[in-house]
């Protein structure tokens, strides 16, 4: 199971769930998800401190890139 927090302006997943390890790792060129009790987690708040100040196409491009560059591994 995996949870993706797509809120760029004020990510809430880092507030609700503290991962087992808060170290962001890379698998090749992809960002490895953080994990808590077997649930894979990814949020802009885990890789960037605070919220982003962006609009329209920048947000779309960031989310697309963030989804495609996240290494989820096997999910249920």
N, C-alpha and C. Protein backbone atom coordinates (compact mmCIF):
# COMPACT_ATOMS: atom_id res chain seq x y z
N UNK A 1 0.85 -1.17 0.00
CA UNK A 1 0.00 0.00 0.00
C UNK A 1 0.90 1.24 0.00
N UNK A 2 0.50 2.24 -0.76
CA UNK A 2 1.25 3.48 -0.81
C UNK A 2 0.34 4.69 -0.74
N UNK A 3 0.83 5.76 -0.12
CA UNK A 3 0.08 7.01 -0.01
C UNK A 3 0.91 8.12 -0.62
N UNK A 4 0.30 8.86 -1.56
CA UNK A 4 0.97 10.00 -2.19
C UNK A 4 0.22 11.26 -1.82
N UNK A 5 0.88 12.19 -1.17
CA UNK A 5 0.30 13.47 -0.78
C UNK A 5 0.61 14.48 -1.89
N UNK A 6 -0.40 14.82 -2.69
CA UNK A 6 -0.20 15.71 -3.85
C UNK A 6 -0.38 17.18 -3.52
N UNK A 7 -0.54 17.52 -2.26
CA UNK A 7 -0.72 18.92 -1.86
C UNK A 7 0.63 19.62 -1.79
N UNK A 8 0.89 20.48 -2.75
CA UNK A 8 2.16 21.19 -2.82
C UNK A 8 2.15 22.43 -1.93
N UNK A 9 1.00 23.05 -1.78
CA UNK A 9 0.91 24.31 -1.02
C UNK A 9 1.06 24.11 0.48
N UNK A 10 0.61 22.98 0.99
CA UNK A 10 0.71 22.72 2.42
C UNK A 10 0.56 21.24 2.68
N UNK A 11 1.61 20.46 2.40
CA UNK A 11 1.52 19.01 2.55
C UNK A 11 1.18 18.61 3.98
N UNK A 12 0.21 17.70 4.13
CA UNK A 12 -0.23 17.31 5.46
C UNK A 12 0.24 15.91 5.87
N UNK A 13 0.68 15.09 4.92
CA UNK A 13 1.13 13.74 5.27
C UNK A 13 2.27 13.76 6.28
N UNK A 14 3.27 14.63 6.15
CA UNK A 14 4.34 14.66 7.15
C UNK A 14 3.85 15.01 8.56
N UNK A 15 2.75 15.75 8.65
CA UNK A 15 2.18 16.09 9.95
C UNK A 15 1.44 14.89 10.55
N UNK A 16 0.77 14.12 9.69
CA UNK A 16 -0.04 13.00 10.16
C UNK A 16 0.77 11.73 10.40
N UNK A 17 1.82 11.50 9.59
CA UNK A 17 2.56 10.25 9.65
C UNK A 17 4.06 10.53 9.73
N UNK A 18 4.69 10.01 10.77
CA UNK A 18 6.13 10.11 10.89
C UNK A 18 6.73 8.81 10.38
N UNK A 19 7.53 8.87 9.32
CA UNK A 19 8.11 7.64 8.76
C UNK A 19 9.11 7.00 9.73
N UNK A 20 9.37 5.70 9.50
CA UNK A 20 10.33 4.98 10.33
C UNK A 20 11.71 5.65 10.25
N UNK A 21 12.07 6.14 9.07
CA UNK A 21 13.32 6.87 8.88
C UNK A 21 13.00 8.09 8.01
N UNK A 22 13.51 9.25 8.38
CA UNK A 22 13.20 10.46 7.60
C UNK A 22 14.30 10.81 6.60
N UNK A 23 15.19 9.86 6.32
CA UNK A 23 16.26 10.07 5.35
C UNK A 23 15.73 9.79 3.95
N UNK A 24 15.82 10.76 3.07
CA UNK A 24 15.39 10.60 1.68
C UNK A 24 16.53 9.94 0.91
N UNK A 25 16.22 8.78 0.30
CA UNK A 25 17.22 8.02 -0.44
C UNK A 25 16.84 7.97 -1.91
N UNK A 26 17.83 7.67 -2.74
CA UNK A 26 17.61 7.56 -4.18
C UNK A 26 17.93 6.15 -4.65
N UNK A 27 17.13 5.67 -5.60
CA UNK A 27 17.37 4.39 -6.28
C UNK A 27 17.63 4.77 -7.72
N UNK A 28 18.89 4.82 -8.10
CA UNK A 28 19.23 5.34 -9.42
C UNK A 28 18.89 6.82 -9.47
N UNK A 29 17.98 7.19 -10.39
CA UNK A 29 17.55 8.59 -10.50
C UNK A 29 16.20 8.82 -9.84
N UNK A 30 15.65 7.80 -9.18
CA UNK A 30 14.33 7.92 -8.58
C UNK A 30 14.43 8.12 -7.06
N UNK A 31 13.43 8.80 -6.52
CA UNK A 31 13.34 9.03 -5.08
C UNK A 31 12.64 7.83 -4.46
N UNK A 32 13.27 7.22 -3.48
CA UNK A 32 12.68 6.08 -2.79
C UNK A 32 11.64 6.57 -1.78
N UNK A 33 10.51 5.87 -1.72
CA UNK A 33 9.48 6.26 -0.78
C UNK A 33 9.95 6.03 0.65
N UNK A 34 9.40 6.81 1.57
CA UNK A 34 9.64 6.57 2.97
C UNK A 34 8.60 5.55 3.42
N UNK A 35 8.77 4.97 4.58
CA UNK A 35 7.88 3.89 4.99
C UNK A 35 7.51 4.00 6.46
N UNK A 36 6.28 3.57 6.76
CA UNK A 36 5.81 3.49 8.15
C UNK A 36 4.92 2.27 8.26
N UNK A 37 5.32 1.31 9.07
CA UNK A 37 4.56 0.08 9.30
C UNK A 37 4.17 -0.61 8.00
N UNK A 38 5.08 -0.65 7.03
CA UNK A 38 4.84 -1.34 5.76
C UNK A 38 4.10 -0.52 4.72
N UNK A 39 3.66 0.68 5.07
CA UNK A 39 2.97 1.56 4.13
C UNK A 39 3.99 2.52 3.54
N UNK A 40 4.06 2.57 2.21
CA UNK A 40 5.01 3.46 1.54
C UNK A 40 4.41 4.86 1.45
N UNK A 41 5.21 5.86 1.75
CA UNK A 41 4.75 7.24 1.84
C UNK A 41 5.57 8.15 0.94
N UNK A 42 4.90 9.10 0.28
CA UNK A 42 5.62 10.13 -0.46
C UNK A 42 4.83 11.42 -0.38
N UNK A 43 5.54 12.49 -0.07
CA UNK A 43 4.94 13.81 0.04
C UNK A 43 6.00 14.85 -0.28
N UNK A 44 5.58 15.94 -0.86
CA UNK A 44 6.48 17.07 -1.12
C UNK A 44 7.10 17.54 0.19
N UNK A 45 6.37 17.39 1.29
CA UNK A 45 6.85 17.81 2.60
C UNK A 45 8.01 16.99 3.13
N UNK A 46 8.16 15.76 2.63
CA UNK A 46 9.30 14.94 3.05
C UNK A 46 10.59 15.34 2.34
N UNK A 47 10.48 15.86 1.13
CA UNK A 47 11.68 16.20 0.36
C UNK A 47 11.98 17.69 0.33
N UNK A 48 11.04 18.51 0.77
CA UNK A 48 11.22 19.96 0.76
C UNK A 48 10.65 20.53 2.05
N UNK A 49 11.39 21.36 2.70
CA UNK A 49 10.94 21.99 3.94
C UNK A 49 9.88 23.04 3.63
N UNK A 50 8.70 22.92 4.23
CA UNK A 50 7.64 23.91 4.04
C UNK A 50 6.85 23.68 2.77
N UNK A 51 6.14 24.71 2.34
CA UNK A 51 5.30 24.61 1.15
C UNK A 51 5.94 25.36 -0.02
N UNK A 52 5.40 25.13 -1.20
CA UNK A 52 5.95 25.75 -2.40
C UNK A 52 5.09 26.93 -2.83
N UNK A 53 5.72 27.93 -3.40
CA UNK A 53 5.00 29.07 -3.95
C UNK A 53 5.09 28.96 -5.47
N UNK A 54 4.10 28.28 -6.05
CA UNK A 54 4.06 28.05 -7.49
C UNK A 54 2.62 28.16 -7.97
N UNK A 55 2.46 28.30 -9.26
CA UNK A 55 1.13 28.41 -9.86
C UNK A 55 1.03 27.55 -11.10
N UNK A 56 -0.20 27.21 -11.49
CA UNK A 56 -0.59 26.56 -12.73
C UNK A 56 0.34 25.52 -13.31
N UNK A 57 0.92 25.83 -14.48
CA UNK A 57 1.75 24.84 -15.19
C UNK A 57 2.96 24.36 -14.38
N UNK A 58 3.50 25.19 -13.53
CA UNK A 58 4.64 24.77 -12.70
C UNK A 58 4.23 23.65 -11.76
N UNK A 59 3.04 23.76 -11.17
CA UNK A 59 2.53 22.73 -10.26
C UNK A 59 2.28 21.44 -11.03
N UNK A 60 1.66 21.55 -12.20
CA UNK A 60 1.37 20.37 -13.02
C UNK A 60 2.66 19.64 -13.37
N UNK A 61 3.66 20.37 -13.79
CA UNK A 61 4.94 19.78 -14.17
C UNK A 61 5.63 19.15 -12.96
N UNK A 62 5.58 19.83 -11.82
CA UNK A 62 6.20 19.31 -10.61
C UNK A 62 5.54 18.01 -10.18
N UNK A 63 4.21 17.97 -10.17
CA UNK A 63 3.50 16.75 -9.77
C UNK A 63 3.78 15.60 -10.74
N UNK A 64 3.79 15.89 -12.03
CA UNK A 64 4.09 14.87 -13.03
C UNK A 64 5.49 14.31 -12.82
N UNK A 65 6.44 15.18 -12.61
CA UNK A 65 7.82 14.76 -12.39
C UNK A 65 7.95 14.00 -11.06
N UNK A 66 7.27 14.48 -10.04
CA UNK A 66 7.33 13.86 -8.72
C UNK A 66 6.75 12.44 -8.77
N UNK A 67 5.63 12.26 -9.47
CA UNK A 67 5.04 10.94 -9.60
C UNK A 67 5.91 9.99 -10.41
N UNK A 68 6.49 10.49 -11.49
CA UNK A 68 7.28 9.63 -12.36
C UNK A 68 8.66 9.33 -11.78
N UNK A 69 9.18 10.17 -10.90
CA UNK A 69 10.50 9.95 -10.32
C UNK A 69 10.46 9.28 -8.95
N UNK A 70 9.28 8.89 -8.50
CA UNK A 70 9.17 8.21 -7.20
C UNK A 70 9.26 6.71 -7.42
N UNK A 71 10.17 6.07 -6.72
CA UNK A 71 10.30 4.62 -6.79
C UNK A 71 9.41 3.99 -5.73
N UNK A 72 8.34 3.34 -6.17
CA UNK A 72 7.37 2.74 -5.25
C UNK A 72 7.69 1.29 -4.96
N UNK A 73 8.38 0.60 -5.84
CA UNK A 73 8.60 -0.82 -5.63
C UNK A 73 7.28 -1.56 -5.73
N UNK A 74 7.20 -2.78 -5.23
CA UNK A 74 5.94 -3.54 -5.31
C UNK A 74 4.90 -2.99 -4.33
N UNK A 75 3.68 -2.79 -4.82
CA UNK A 75 2.57 -2.32 -3.98
C UNK A 75 1.43 -3.34 -4.03
N UNK A 76 0.60 -3.36 -3.03
CA UNK A 76 -0.60 -4.22 -3.04
C UNK A 76 -1.64 -3.64 -3.95
